[in-house]
């Protein structure tokens, strides 16, 4: 039953040879990997205005120069990450750059920050998408968390179906969003220029007495949330068709141009229209309503905006599993993240990302503003480490034009470091938790690595010296009575070894006497050992008996515990029976030098 449901939801299993067909071209990759960055247009300008409103309406003109500064930072990041793509065409972004140039600790900080950032990406995107829906339909405001969780489930299923299939479906609304926003910008500019709307903007260049440098830096750092997701292309180069690095670099450039145009356009319209940030209606909703009224075009723009905000999470679904794979390959995350699922995606990474982000949405009650500062800090730390790592690389290798490349990455590093520090100082009350959570993540990486190293050391053999030891086999069969299940197990045990004993644990003298009499009458050719349990425990007496046998025979024999177990025809029927055999197996499997096996007996009806 589970298999049938899985096939309907996810699709047929794909052969490993089909992996190359799952690679992305530039247009699909632009949609999937840029959705996070492009969606930030929906809230980047709003974050700037929210900070400036503290100083009053007259201070909103500062949003224009602040947005131009954010645009300049975008140019630096695009140029810097194009260099990273060509230098590290295998992907991995900041993690690989830091690992290669800055050492283990820096790479784990970068990797941990990116993983946390991708979880926050899904949480922020689903929350922001919900805000767009509730702006158009206020009656749904109390159901924000449920709407966000439904969309996370939808994205999970889409990505479990494979990269190509999800890209084909999700690219449509993403490109509709780009077209809609540029249509809104062009229409808004024409309406403003032709006097179709009354000028409501505060006078540009007006001195506002209560605007401080601290406030401007805080607004700038808030606007930099529009740059989250820029690094995703460099992380996911293996998802591109060949030549992968060229296609990735072209995709990054296209993303930068589209993002920059939309961001500055929305900011200018917000200033010209005199938009004030509202707790119940987004900035884009206000601009669209003032430009087109409350008609069909307004609802189309709100609809595609909600979609892009939801689908922005797809960037994380593309990048998180790949980064988790690389960390797992280096033994810093569980090996389960290296396994490809039926549709050739890293399914465990996708599912883990969904569960973690859903938990965040529930904890923060779907409040986007509470998540964005954490989200932005999580991405600017890897930004900075990536730029620093590239600086070290150019200094070490000194390739052609290395001085120019060094200057570009130095400017990028100083800028992103400044933004990180601004975030920390201006929004410490909102981001302090990352200074607790991130060290915990890095510590977990170290503990996982140490475990894998210790495990490898204990499992490693010298093939010139270490040889298998030949021993006998003493088989112990725990029995609860005389049944076909027990007979089946004894029959199998006799094919393995002549040293077979059955063990019965009784709770009272009467039950023990009856079992001994029936066993003697049956006479299966196997000795019965009877143990009495005063506290009605089966595992305690059985453990002590195994300890005794192990002590006597460990030098000459292996000890095998064969557990008889019947298997019901229908899954629900197993609930009607006690699970003693399962508990026994779970308990005994941890024993040193004891083999535990289950001998199944299938019931026909």
Protein backbone atom coordinates (compact mmCIF):
# COMPACT_ATOMS: atom_id res chain seq x y z
CA UNK A 1 0.00 0.00 0.00
CA UNK A 2 2.77 2.43 0.96
CA UNK A 3 4.60 1.59 -2.26
CA UNK A 4 1.53 2.42 -4.38
CA UNK A 5 1.00 5.76 -2.65
CA UNK A 6 4.68 6.56 -3.06
CA UNK A 7 4.53 5.82 -6.80
CA UNK A 8 1.51 8.13 -7.22
CA UNK A 9 3.11 11.00 -5.29
CA UNK A 10 6.71 10.70 -6.45
CA UNK A 11 6.65 8.71 -9.69
CA UNK A 12 8.45 5.65 -11.01
CA UNK A 13 12.02 4.88 -9.91
CA UNK A 14 14.69 6.18 -12.31
CA UNK A 15 17.83 4.35 -13.41
CA UNK A 16 21.21 5.71 -12.43
CA UNK A 17 22.01 6.09 -16.13
CA UNK A 18 19.25 8.71 -16.37
CA UNK A 19 21.15 11.11 -14.10
CA UNK A 20 22.58 13.17 -16.96
CA UNK A 21 19.07 13.84 -18.27
CA UNK A 22 18.25 15.42 -14.89
CA UNK A 23 20.74 18.25 -15.45
CA UNK A 24 19.38 21.76 -15.95
CA UNK A 25 19.72 24.19 -18.84
CA UNK A 26 20.17 27.92 -18.20
CA UNK A 27 16.49 28.89 -18.36
CA UNK A 28 15.26 26.20 -15.97
CA UNK A 29 18.24 26.72 -13.67
CA UNK A 30 17.57 30.48 -13.60
CA UNK A 31 14.04 29.81 -12.43
CA UNK A 32 14.91 27.18 -9.83
CA UNK A 33 18.15 28.58 -8.42
CA UNK A 34 17.24 32.28 -8.63
CA UNK A 35 13.77 32.04 -7.14
CA UNK A 36 15.08 32.92 -3.67
CA UNK A 37 16.98 36.00 -4.85
CA UNK A 38 14.21 37.18 -7.20
CA UNK A 39 11.52 36.73 -4.55
CA UNK A 40 13.38 39.04 -2.16
CA UNK A 41 12.15 41.92 -4.34
CA UNK A 42 8.80 41.34 -2.64
CA UNK A 43 10.15 42.27 0.79
CA UNK A 44 13.60 43.90 0.33
CA UNK A 45 12.26 47.44 -0.21
CA UNK A 46 9.69 46.91 2.54
CA UNK A 47 12.44 46.06 5.04
CA UNK A 48 14.19 49.36 4.26
CA UNK A 49 10.99 51.38 4.66
CA UNK A 50 10.12 49.70 7.95
CA UNK A 51 13.37 50.96 9.47
CA UNK A 52 13.15 54.47 7.97
CA UNK A 53 9.57 55.00 9.20
CA UNK A 54 10.99 55.20 12.73
CA UNK A 55 12.27 58.67 11.75
CA UNK A 56 8.95 59.64 10.15
CA UNK A 57 7.46 59.85 6.66
CA UNK A 58 9.94 62.53 5.52
CA UNK A 59 12.82 60.03 5.91
CA UNK A 60 11.48 57.66 3.27
CA UNK A 61 13.48 59.39 0.50
CA UNK A 62 16.59 57.77 1.95
CA UNK A 63 15.29 54.46 0.54
CA UNK A 64 16.52 55.46 -2.94
CA UNK A 65 20.24 55.99 -2.16
CA UNK A 66 20.16 53.00 0.19
CA UNK A 67 18.76 50.82 -2.62
CA UNK A 68 21.47 52.08 -4.98
CA UNK A 69 24.08 51.03 -2.38
CA UNK A 70 22.44 47.58 -2.17
CA UNK A 71 22.57 47.43 -5.97
CA UNK A 72 26.31 48.17 -5.87
CA UNK A 73 26.80 45.31 -3.43
CA UNK A 74 24.86 43.03 -5.77
CA UNK A 75 27.27 43.90 -8.61
CA UNK A 76 30.26 43.05 -6.40
CA UNK A 77 28.74 39.72 -5.35
CA UNK A 78 27.84 38.68 -8.89
CA UNK A 79 31.37 39.41 -10.15
CA UNK A 80 32.92 37.66 -7.14
CA UNK A 81 30.80 34.54 -7.41
CA UNK A 82 31.44 34.26 -11.13
CA UNK A 83 35.11 33.97 -10.22
CA UNK A 84 34.22 31.31 -7.65
CA UNK A 85 32.25 29.32 -10.24
CA UNK A 86 35.21 29.09 -12.63
CA UNK A 87 37.69 28.41 -9.81
CA UNK A 88 35.54 25.66 -8.23
CA UNK A 89 33.38 24.10 -10.97
CA UNK A 90 32.44 21.12 -8.79
CA UNK A 91 30.14 23.34 -6.70
CA UNK A 92 29.92 23.72 -2.96
CA UNK A 93 30.35 27.50 -2.94
CA UNK A 94 31.56 29.01 0.32
CA UNK A 95 32.05 25.60 1.99
CA UNK A 96 34.48 24.31 -0.64
CA UNK A 97 36.28 27.67 -0.98
CA UNK A 98 36.79 27.92 2.79
CA UNK A 99 37.82 24.27 3.05
CA UNK A 100 40.43 24.66 0.33
CA UNK A 101 41.88 27.97 1.51
CA UNK A 102 40.96 28.73 5.12
CA UNK A 103 40.94 25.36 6.86
CA UNK A 104 38.50 23.04 8.59
CA UNK A 105 36.97 25.39 11.16
CA UNK A 106 36.16 28.12 8.63
CA UNK A 107 34.68 25.63 6.17
CA UNK A 108 32.39 24.19 8.84
CA UNK A 109 31.25 27.67 9.86
CA UNK A 110 30.49 28.44 6.20
CA UNK A 111 28.78 25.10 5.64
CA UNK A 112 26.80 25.31 8.86
CA UNK A 113 25.72 28.89 8.10
CA UNK A 114 24.56 27.89 4.63
CA UNK A 115 22.59 24.90 5.90
CA UNK A 116 20.89 27.07 8.53
CA UNK A 117 20.28 29.73 5.88
CA UNK A 118 18.58 27.23 3.56
CA UNK A 119 16.29 26.09 6.36
CA UNK A 120 15.46 29.73 7.04
CA UNK A 121 14.95 30.29 3.30
CA UNK A 122 12.11 27.79 3.26
CA UNK A 123 10.60 29.19 6.46
CA UNK A 124 10.88 32.83 5.32
CA UNK A 125 9.60 32.11 1.82
CA UNK A 126 6.55 30.19 2.99
CA UNK A 127 5.80 32.86 5.60
CA UNK A 128 6.25 35.72 3.12
CA UNK A 129 4.07 33.94 0.57
CA UNK A 130 1.39 33.58 3.20
CA UNK A 131 1.61 37.33 3.91
CA UNK A 132 0.98 38.05 0.22
CA UNK A 133 -2.13 35.84 0.24
CA UNK A 134 -3.51 37.36 3.44
CA UNK A 135 -2.92 40.87 2.04
CA UNK A 136 -5.37 40.06 -0.74
CA UNK A 137 -7.66 37.91 1.45
CA UNK A 138 -7.50 39.24 5.04
CA UNK A 139 -9.99 36.60 6.20
CA UNK A 140 -7.17 34.02 5.95
CA UNK A 141 -4.84 35.94 8.29
CA UNK A 142 -5.44 33.59 11.22
CA UNK A 143 -4.49 30.55 9.12
CA UNK A 144 -0.98 31.69 8.17
CA UNK A 145 0.86 28.74 9.73
CA UNK A 146 -1.38 26.12 8.12
CA UNK A 147 -1.04 27.72 4.66
CA UNK A 148 2.76 27.83 5.00
CA UNK A 149 2.92 24.17 6.07
CA UNK A 150 0.74 23.06 3.15
CA UNK A 151 3.09 24.79 0.72
CA UNK A 152 6.17 23.19 2.33
CA UNK A 153 4.56 19.76 1.83
CA UNK A 154 3.81 20.66 -1.81
CA UNK A 155 7.42 21.72 -2.48
CA UNK A 156 8.71 18.60 -0.78
CA UNK A 157 6.69 16.33 -3.05
CA UNK A 158 7.67 18.31 -6.14
CA UNK A 159 11.37 18.05 -5.36
CA UNK A 160 11.14 14.37 -4.46
CA UNK A 161 9.88 13.86 -8.01
CA UNK A 162 13.26 15.02 -9.37
CA UNK A 163 15.06 18.18 -10.43
CA UNK A 164 13.92 18.27 -14.06
CA UNK A 165 10.26 17.63 -13.35
CA UNK A 166 10.08 20.18 -10.54
CA UNK A 167 11.92 22.73 -12.70
CA UNK A 168 9.48 22.25 -15.58
CA UNK A 169 6.48 22.91 -13.33
CA UNK A 170 7.89 25.61 -11.07
CA UNK A 171 9.59 27.68 -13.79
CA UNK A 172 6.22 28.85 -15.15
CA UNK A 173 5.06 30.87 -12.10
CA UNK A 174 8.59 32.19 -11.53
CA UNK A 175 8.80 33.68 -15.02
CA UNK A 176 5.22 34.94 -14.67
CA UNK A 177 6.38 36.82 -11.56
CA UNK A 178 9.30 38.42 -13.41
CA UNK A 179 7.01 39.50 -16.27
CA UNK A 180 4.37 40.78 -13.83
CA UNK A 181 6.82 42.84 -11.78
CA UNK A 182 8.39 44.45 -14.84
CA UNK A 183 4.89 45.13 -16.20
CA UNK A 184 4.01 46.73 -12.83
CA UNK A 185 7.20 48.83 -12.84
CA UNK A 186 6.73 50.05 -16.42
CA UNK A 187 3.04 50.79 -15.86
CA UNK A 188 3.77 52.55 -12.58
CA UNK A 189 6.52 54.71 -14.08
CA UNK A 190 4.26 55.70 -17.00
CA UNK A 191 1.38 56.52 -14.65
CA UNK A 192 3.64 58.62 -12.43
CA UNK A 193 5.31 60.43 -15.32
CA UNK A 194 1.99 61.24 -16.99
CA UNK A 195 0.50 62.55 -13.78
CA UNK A 196 -1.93 59.67 -13.46
CA UNK A 197 -1.27 59.57 -9.77
CA UNK A 198 -0.89 62.41 -7.34
CA UNK A 199 2.71 62.88 -6.22
CA UNK A 200 2.87 61.83 -2.58
CA UNK A 201 6.62 61.36 -2.14
CA UNK A 202 8.55 63.24 0.57
CA UNK A 203 10.92 65.81 -0.91
CA UNK A 204 14.16 64.19 -2.07
CA UNK A 205 17.22 65.42 -0.20
CA UNK A 206 15.30 66.90 2.73
CA UNK A 207 17.33 66.89 5.94
CA UNK A 208 15.58 64.88 8.63
CA UNK A 209 16.88 65.78 12.08
CA UNK A 210 16.29 62.42 13.77
CA UNK A 211 17.94 60.31 11.02
CA UNK A 212 21.23 59.00 12.39
CA UNK A 213 24.05 57.05 10.82
CA UNK A 214 22.99 54.07 12.95
CA UNK A 215 19.47 54.23 11.50
CA UNK A 216 20.78 54.44 7.92
CA UNK A 217 23.12 51.48 8.47
CA UNK A 218 20.26 49.51 9.97
CA UNK A 219 18.07 50.31 6.94
CA UNK A 220 20.92 49.34 4.59
CA UNK A 221 21.47 46.03 6.32
CA UNK A 222 17.72 45.34 6.15
CA UNK A 223 17.74 46.08 2.43
CA UNK A 224 20.60 43.61 1.97
CA UNK A 225 18.11 40.86 2.72
CA UNK A 226 17.29 41.26 -0.99
CA UNK A 227 20.68 39.66 -1.78
CA UNK A 228 20.03 36.35 -0.06
CA UNK A 229 20.15 33.48 -2.51
CA UNK A 230 22.84 35.01 -4.74
CA UNK A 231 25.28 32.26 -3.73
CA UNK A 232 22.94 29.39 -4.64
CA UNK A 233 24.14 29.15 -8.25
CA UNK A 234 27.76 28.59 -7.21
CA UNK A 235 26.65 25.92 -4.73
CA UNK A 236 24.65 23.94 -7.29
CA UNK A 237 26.99 23.79 -10.31
CA UNK A 238 26.68 19.95 -10.52
CA UNK A 239 22.99 20.43 -11.39
CA UNK A 240 23.89 22.22 -14.66
CA UNK A 241 24.33 20.66 -18.08
CA UNK A 242 27.80 20.73 -19.61
CA UNK A 243 29.70 23.00 -19.83
CA UNK A 244 28.44 23.38 -16.27
CA UNK A 245 30.61 26.30 -15.14
CA UNK A 246 29.84 28.40 -18.22
CA UNK A 247 26.11 27.79 -17.88
CA UNK A 248 26.25 28.57 -14.16
CA UNK A 249 28.16 31.83 -14.74
CA UNK A 250 25.67 32.92 -17.43
CA UNK A 251 22.75 32.07 -15.13
CA UNK A 252 24.28 34.09 -12.28
CA UNK A 253 24.71 37.13 -14.55
CA UNK A 254 21.11 36.92 -15.79
CA UNK A 255 19.87 36.63 -12.23
CA UNK A 256 21.86 39.70 -11.16
CA UNK A 257 20.47 41.82 -14.01
CA UNK A 258 16.85 40.80 -13.39
CA UNK A 259 17.13 41.17 -9.61
CA UNK A 260 18.79 44.58 -9.84
CA UNK A 261 16.21 45.92 -12.29
CA UNK A 262 13.22 44.76 -10.26
CA UNK A 263 14.63 45.90 -6.91
CA UNK A 264 15.46 49.46 -7.96
CA UNK A 265 12.17 49.73 -9.89
CA UNK A 266 10.03 48.76 -6.88
CA UNK A 267 12.01 51.10 -4.63
CA UNK A 268 11.50 54.08 -6.96
CA UNK A 269 7.77 53.40 -7.25
CA UNK A 270 7.45 53.05 -3.48
CA UNK A 271 9.17 56.46 -3.07
CA UNK A 272 7.22 58.23 -5.82
CA UNK A 273 3.90 56.85 -4.58
CA UNK A 274 4.72 57.75 -0.99
CA UNK A 275 4.15 54.18 0.18
CA UNK A 276 4.10 53.63 3.93
CA UNK A 277 4.80 50.08 5.17
CA UNK A 278 1.72 48.46 6.69
CA UNK A 279 1.20 45.53 8.98
CA UNK A 280 -1.71 44.24 6.92
CA UNK A 281 -0.69 45.02 3.32
CA UNK A 282 2.66 44.54 1.62
CA UNK A 283 4.46 47.30 -0.31
CA UNK A 284 3.96 45.52 -3.64
CA UNK A 285 0.26 45.13 -2.87
CA UNK A 286 -0.05 48.88 -2.23
CA UNK A 287 1.85 49.78 -5.43
CA UNK A 288 -0.26 47.38 -7.52
CA UNK A 289 -3.51 48.68 -6.00
CA UNK A 290 -2.54 52.32 -6.64
CA UNK A 291 -1.45 51.51 -10.20
CA UNK A 292 -4.24 49.19 -11.36
CA UNK A 293 -6.96 49.55 -8.73
CA UNK A 294 -8.52 46.45 -7.14
CA UNK A 295 -9.30 44.72 -10.41
CA UNK A 296 -8.11 41.54 -12.08
CA UNK A 297 -4.57 42.78 -12.76
CA UNK A 298 -4.07 43.54 -9.06
CA UNK A 299 -5.09 40.03 -8.08
CA UNK A 300 -2.91 38.49 -10.78
CA UNK A 301 0.12 40.39 -9.42
CA UNK A 302 -0.72 39.36 -5.86
CA UNK A 303 -1.21 35.79 -6.95
CA UNK A 304 2.11 35.45 -8.76
CA UNK A 305 3.86 37.33 -5.93
CA UNK A 306 2.49 34.82 -3.44
CA UNK A 307 3.61 32.00 -5.71
CA UNK A 308 7.16 33.30 -6.13
CA UNK A 309 7.48 33.81 -2.38
CA UNK A 310 6.45 30.23 -1.81
CA UNK A 311 8.61 28.95 -4.65
CA UNK A 312 11.64 30.92 -3.44
CA UNK A 313 12.06 28.00 -1.07
CA UNK A 314 12.87 25.86 -4.10
CA UNK A 315 16.34 27.41 -4.22
CA UNK A 316 16.99 25.82 -0.84
CA UNK A 317 15.58 22.50 -2.05
CA UNK A 318 18.11 22.57 -4.89
CA UNK A 319 21.14 23.70 -2.86
CA UNK A 320 20.63 22.18 0.63
CA UNK A 321 20.76 18.49 -0.46
CA UNK A 322 23.91 19.10 -2.53
CA UNK A 323 25.70 20.87 0.31
CA UNK A 324 24.58 18.19 2.78
CA UNK A 325 25.96 15.57 0.34
CA UNK A 326 29.36 17.31 0.29
CA UNK A 327 29.48 17.59 4.08
CA UNK A 328 28.44 13.93 4.41
CA UNK A 329 31.11 12.94 1.90
CA UNK A 330 33.67 14.68 4.13
CA UNK A 331 32.19 12.81 7.14
CA UNK A 332 30.68 15.88 8.84
CA UNK A 333 27.06 14.82 8.33
CA UNK A 334 25.33 11.42 8.42
CA UNK A 335 26.01 9.24 5.39
CA UNK A 336 22.28 9.03 4.71
CA UNK A 337 22.58 12.45 3.03
CA UNK A 338 24.76 10.85 0.32
CA UNK A 339 22.02 8.47 -0.82
CA UNK A 340 20.05 9.27 -3.98
CA UNK A 341 16.36 8.43 -3.90
CA UNK A 342 14.13 6.78 -6.49
CA UNK A 343 14.09 9.96 -8.61
CA UNK A 344 17.88 10.49 -8.37
CA UNK A 345 17.59 13.40 -5.94
CA UNK A 346 19.10 13.43 -2.44
CA UNK A 347 15.76 12.57 -0.84
CA UNK A 348 16.95 12.50 2.78
CA UNK A 349 18.27 16.05 2.47
CA UNK A 350 14.96 17.21 0.99
CA UNK A 351 12.91 15.61 3.77
CA UNK A 352 15.20 16.90 6.54
CA UNK A 353 15.02 20.44 5.12
CA UNK A 354 11.22 20.28 5.05
CA UNK A 355 10.90 19.06 8.63
CA UNK A 356 13.35 21.64 10.01
CA UNK A 357 11.71 24.57 8.18
CA UNK A 358 8.20 23.45 9.14
CA UNK A 359 9.30 23.42 12.78
CA UNK A 360 10.59 26.99 12.42
CA UNK A 361 7.32 28.17 10.88
CA UNK A 362 5.40 26.68 13.79
CA UNK A 363 7.75 28.13 16.43
CA UNK A 364 7.73 31.64 14.90
CA UNK A 365 3.98 31.44 14.09
CA UNK A 366 4.66 32.33 10.45
CA UNK A 367 5.98 35.83 11.29
CA UNK A 368 8.32 36.77 8.41
CA UNK A 369 9.82 39.81 10.14
CA UNK A 370 11.05 37.62 12.99
CA UNK A 371 12.92 35.33 10.62
CA UNK A 372 14.48 37.69 8.05
CA UNK A 373 17.33 39.08 10.26
CA UNK A 374 18.47 35.52 11.11
CA UNK A 375 18.08 34.62 7.47
CA UNK A 376 20.30 37.48 6.28
CA UNK A 377 23.07 36.95 8.86
CA UNK A 378 23.13 33.25 7.95
CA UNK A 379 23.99 34.10 4.34
CA UNK A 380 26.42 37.01 4.88
CA UNK A 381 28.77 34.94 7.03
CA UNK A 382 29.40 32.51 4.12
CA UNK A 383 29.58 35.50 1.74
CA UNK A 384 32.46 36.90 3.77
CA UNK A 385 34.30 33.59 4.19
CA UNK A 386 33.94 32.82 0.49
CA UNK A 387 35.45 36.18 -0.50
CA UNK A 388 38.29 35.77 2.02
CA UNK A 389 39.00 32.26 0.77
CA UNK A 390 39.22 33.47 -2.83
CA UNK A 391 41.65 36.21 -1.73
CA UNK A 392 43.91 33.57 -0.19
CA UNK A 393 43.62 31.46 -3.34
CA UNK A 394 44.76 34.28 -5.65
CA UNK A 395 47.68 35.15 -3.37
CA UNK A 396 48.81 31.49 -3.25
CA UNK A 397 48.38 30.58 -6.93
CA UNK A 398 48.96 33.95 -8.64
CA UNK A 399 47.21 33.06 -11.93
CA UNK A 400 46.88 35.45 -14.88
CA UNK A 401 45.27 38.78 -13.87
CA UNK A 402 45.38 37.67 -10.24
CA UNK A 403 45.79 41.22 -8.92
CA UNK A 404 42.49 42.33 -10.48
CA UNK A 405 40.77 39.21 -9.15
CA UNK A 406 42.26 39.85 -5.72
CA UNK A 407 41.00 43.44 -5.73
CA UNK A 408 37.48 42.31 -6.65
CA UNK A 409 37.35 39.71 -3.88
CA UNK A 410 38.94 42.10 -1.37
CA UNK A 411 36.24 44.69 -2.06
CA UNK A 412 33.63 41.93 -1.77
CA UNK A 413 35.06 40.64 1.51
CA UNK A 414 35.29 44.08 3.13
CA UNK A 415 31.76 44.93 2.00
CA UNK A 416 30.13 41.70 3.15
CA UNK A 417 32.10 41.78 6.42
CA UNK A 418 30.83 45.31 7.00
CA UNK A 419 27.24 44.21 6.33
CA UNK A 420 27.64 41.29 8.73
CA UNK A 421 28.94 43.60 11.47
CA UNK A 422 26.16 46.11 10.78
CA UNK A 423 23.60 43.35 11.14
CA UNK A 424 25.14 42.22 14.41
CA UNK A 425 25.32 45.70 15.94
CA UNK A 426 22.00 47.05 14.69
CA UNK A 427 19.87 43.93 15.12
CA UNK A 428 21.62 42.04 17.88
CA UNK A 429 18.36 41.54 19.78
CA UNK A 430 17.01 39.61 16.77
CA UNK A 431 20.12 37.70 15.68
CA UNK A 432 21.84 36.79 18.95
CA UNK A 433 20.48 33.25 18.79
CA UNK A 434 22.68 32.45 15.78
CA UNK A 435 25.77 32.88 17.99
CA UNK A 436 24.47 30.04 20.13
CA UNK A 437 22.99 27.86 17.40
CA UNK A 438 25.86 28.06 14.88
CA UNK A 439 28.58 26.88 17.35
CA UNK A 440 26.28 23.99 18.28
CA UNK A 441 25.96 23.04 14.59
CA UNK A 442 29.76 23.15 14.13
CA UNK A 443 30.24 21.12 17.33
CA UNK A 444 27.84 18.48 15.97
CA UNK A 445 29.87 18.39 12.73
CA UNK A 446 33.03 17.70 14.74
CA UNK A 447 31.36 14.97 16.82
CA UNK A 448 30.06 13.24 13.67
CA UNK A 449 33.52 13.42 12.10
CA UNK A 450 35.16 11.98 15.21
CA UNK A 451 32.63 9.15 15.28
CA UNK A 452 33.31 8.23 11.66
CA UNK A 453 37.07 8.37 12.25
CA UNK A 454 36.80 6.14 15.32
CA UNK A 455 34.52 3.72 13.49
CA UNK A 456 36.87 3.50 10.52
CA UNK A 457 39.85 2.90 12.83
CA UNK A 458 38.10 0.02 14.59
CA UNK A 459 36.83 -1.57 11.36
CA UNK A 460 40.05 -1.25 9.38
CA UNK A 461 42.04 -4.48 8.84
CA UNK A 462 45.50 -5.35 7.57
CA UNK A 463 44.78 -7.70 4.65
CA UNK A 464 48.27 -9.19 4.93
CA UNK A 465 47.81 -10.24 8.56
CA UNK A 466 44.13 -10.32 9.58
CA UNK A 467 42.29 -13.47 8.50
CA UNK A 468 38.81 -14.84 9.40
CA UNK A 469 38.76 -17.09 12.50
CA UNK A 470 36.98 -20.41 12.16
CA UNK A 471 34.77 -21.19 15.19
CA UNK A 472 31.86 -23.41 16.04
CA UNK A 473 28.33 -22.12 16.61
CA UNK A 474 26.14 -22.40 19.69
CA UNK A 475 22.53 -21.55 18.88
CA UNK A 476 20.05 -20.36 21.50
CA UNK A 477 16.33 -20.30 20.66
CA UNK A 478 14.04 -18.35 23.04
CA UNK A 479 10.63 -20.10 23.05
CA UNK A 480 7.28 -19.13 24.54
CA UNK A 481 5.53 -22.44 23.79
CA UNK A 482 5.36 -25.31 21.32
CA UNK A 483 4.11 -24.02 17.97
CA UNK A 484 4.82 -24.29 14.25
CA UNK A 485 6.84 -21.08 14.55
CA UNK A 486 9.17 -22.75 17.09
CA UNK A 487 9.31 -25.97 15.01
CA UNK A 488 10.28 -23.94 11.93
CA UNK A 489 13.07 -22.21 13.86
CA UNK A 490 14.44 -25.45 15.32
CA UNK A 491 14.45 -27.05 11.86
CA UNK A 492 16.48 -24.15 10.51
CA UNK A 493 18.83 -24.09 13.51
CA UNK A 494 19.75 -27.76 13.03
CA UNK A 495 21.03 -26.97 9.54
CA UNK A 496 23.50 -24.49 11.02
CA UNK A 497 24.94 -26.34 14.02
CA UNK A 498 24.52 -29.45 16.17
CA UNK A 499 24.82 -27.27 19.30
CA UNK A 500 21.24 -26.02 19.68
CA UNK A 501 19.36 -25.27 22.92
CA UNK A 502 15.91 -23.85 23.50
CA UNK A 503 15.30 -21.48 26.42
CA UNK A 504 11.93 -21.02 28.13
CA UNK A 505 11.37 -18.28 30.72
CA UNK A 506 8.48 -19.13 33.08
CA UNK A 507 6.77 -16.94 35.64
CA UNK A 508 5.35 -19.67 37.94
CA UNK A 509 5.97 -23.32 38.81
CA UNK A 510 2.77 -24.58 37.17
CA UNK A 511 3.60 -23.01 33.76
CA UNK A 512 7.15 -24.35 33.95
CA UNK A 513 5.96 -27.91 34.79
CA UNK A 514 3.48 -27.95 31.89
CA UNK A 515 6.14 -26.68 29.43
CA UNK A 516 8.66 -29.34 30.54
CA UNK A 517 6.07 -32.13 30.20
CA UNK A 518 4.94 -31.03 26.72
CA UNK A 519 8.56 -30.59 25.53
CA UNK A 520 9.52 -34.06 26.76
CA UNK A 521 6.47 -35.51 25.01
CA UNK A 522 7.25 -33.62 21.75
CA UNK A 523 11.00 -34.45 21.85
CA UNK A 524 12.28 -32.26 18.96
CA UNK A 525 15.87 -33.40 19.53
CA UNK A 526 16.84 -30.10 21.18
CA UNK A 527 17.52 -29.62 24.88
CA UNK A 528 15.15 -27.27 26.75
CA UNK A 529 16.61 -24.92 29.37
CA UNK A 530 13.99 -23.54 31.79
CA UNK A 531 14.53 -20.23 33.59
CA UNK A 532 12.24 -18.85 36.27
CA UNK A 533 11.54 -15.12 36.39
CA UNK A 534 10.36 -13.76 39.72
CA UNK A 535 9.66 -10.29 38.28
CA UNK A 536 7.84 -11.42 35.07
CA UNK A 537 10.75 -10.27 32.92
CA UNK A 538 11.85 -12.33 29.93
CA UNK A 539 14.87 -10.27 28.95
CA UNK A 540 16.61 -10.25 32.35
CA UNK A 541 16.90 -14.05 32.85
CA UNK A 542 17.65 -14.54 29.14
CA UNK A 543 20.48 -11.99 29.30
CA UNK A 544 22.06 -13.71 32.31
CA UNK A 545 21.86 -17.10 30.58
CA UNK A 546 23.52 -15.72 27.44
CA UNK A 547 26.25 -14.17 29.58
CA UNK A 548 26.95 -17.58 31.11
CA UNK A 549 27.09 -19.33 27.73
CA UNK A 550 29.27 -16.57 26.29
CA UNK A 551 31.72 -16.85 29.19
CA UNK A 552 32.04 -20.62 28.72
CA UNK A 553 32.21 -20.82 24.92
CA UNK A 554 33.49 -17.47 23.59
CA UNK A 555 36.93 -18.90 22.82
CA UNK A 556 35.58 -21.78 20.70
CA UNK A 557 32.09 -20.85 19.49
CA UNK A 558 30.08 -18.03 18.04
CA UNK A 559 26.78 -17.51 19.84
CA UNK A 560 23.68 -17.09 17.70
CA UNK A 561 20.27 -16.14 19.06
CA UNK A 562 17.52 -17.31 16.69
CA UNK A 563 14.25 -15.57 17.50
CA UNK A 564 11.08 -17.29 16.24
CA UNK A 565 8.56 -14.80 14.82
CA UNK A 566 5.34 -15.23 12.88
CA UNK A 567 4.42 -12.65 10.25
CA UNK A 568 0.75 -11.78 9.74
CA UNK A 569 -0.75 -11.51 6.27
CA UNK A 570 -2.01 -7.95 6.81
CA UNK A 571 0.04 -5.20 8.48
CA UNK A 572 -2.75 -4.19 10.85
CA UNK A 573 -3.02 -7.72 12.26
CA UNK A 574 0.43 -7.42 13.81
CA UNK A 575 -0.99 -4.82 16.22
CA UNK A 576 -3.16 -7.56 17.75
CA UNK A 577 -0.11 -9.51 18.96
CA UNK A 578 2.53 -8.59 21.49
CA UNK A 579 5.89 -7.50 20.11
CA UNK A 580 8.14 -9.53 22.41
CA UNK A 581 10.29 -10.77 19.54
CA UNK A 582 10.95 -7.23 18.33
CA UNK A 583 11.83 -6.02 21.83
CA UNK A 584 14.08 -9.04 22.33
CA UNK A 585 15.91 -8.36 19.07
CA UNK A 586 16.37 -4.66 19.86
CA UNK A 587 17.69 -5.56 23.32
CA UNK A 588 20.06 -8.36 22.30
CA UNK A 589 21.48 -6.78 19.14
CA UNK A 590 23.76 -4.63 21.29
CA UNK A 591 25.47 -7.66 22.78
CA UNK A 592 29.18 -8.12 22.11
CA UNK A 593 30.01 -11.21 20.02
CA UNK A 594 26.38 -12.33 19.90
CA UNK A 595 24.61 -12.80 16.56
CA UNK A 596 20.88 -12.07 16.63
CA UNK A 597 18.66 -13.29 13.80
CA UNK A 598 14.92 -13.62 13.25
CA UNK A 599 13.42 -16.72 11.65
CA UNK A 600 10.06 -15.69 10.13
CA UNK A 601 7.02 -17.90 9.74
CA UNK A 602 4.39 -16.38 7.44
CA UNK A 603 0.74 -16.93 8.28
CA UNK A 604 -1.46 -17.65 5.26
CA UNK A 605 -4.57 -15.88 6.52
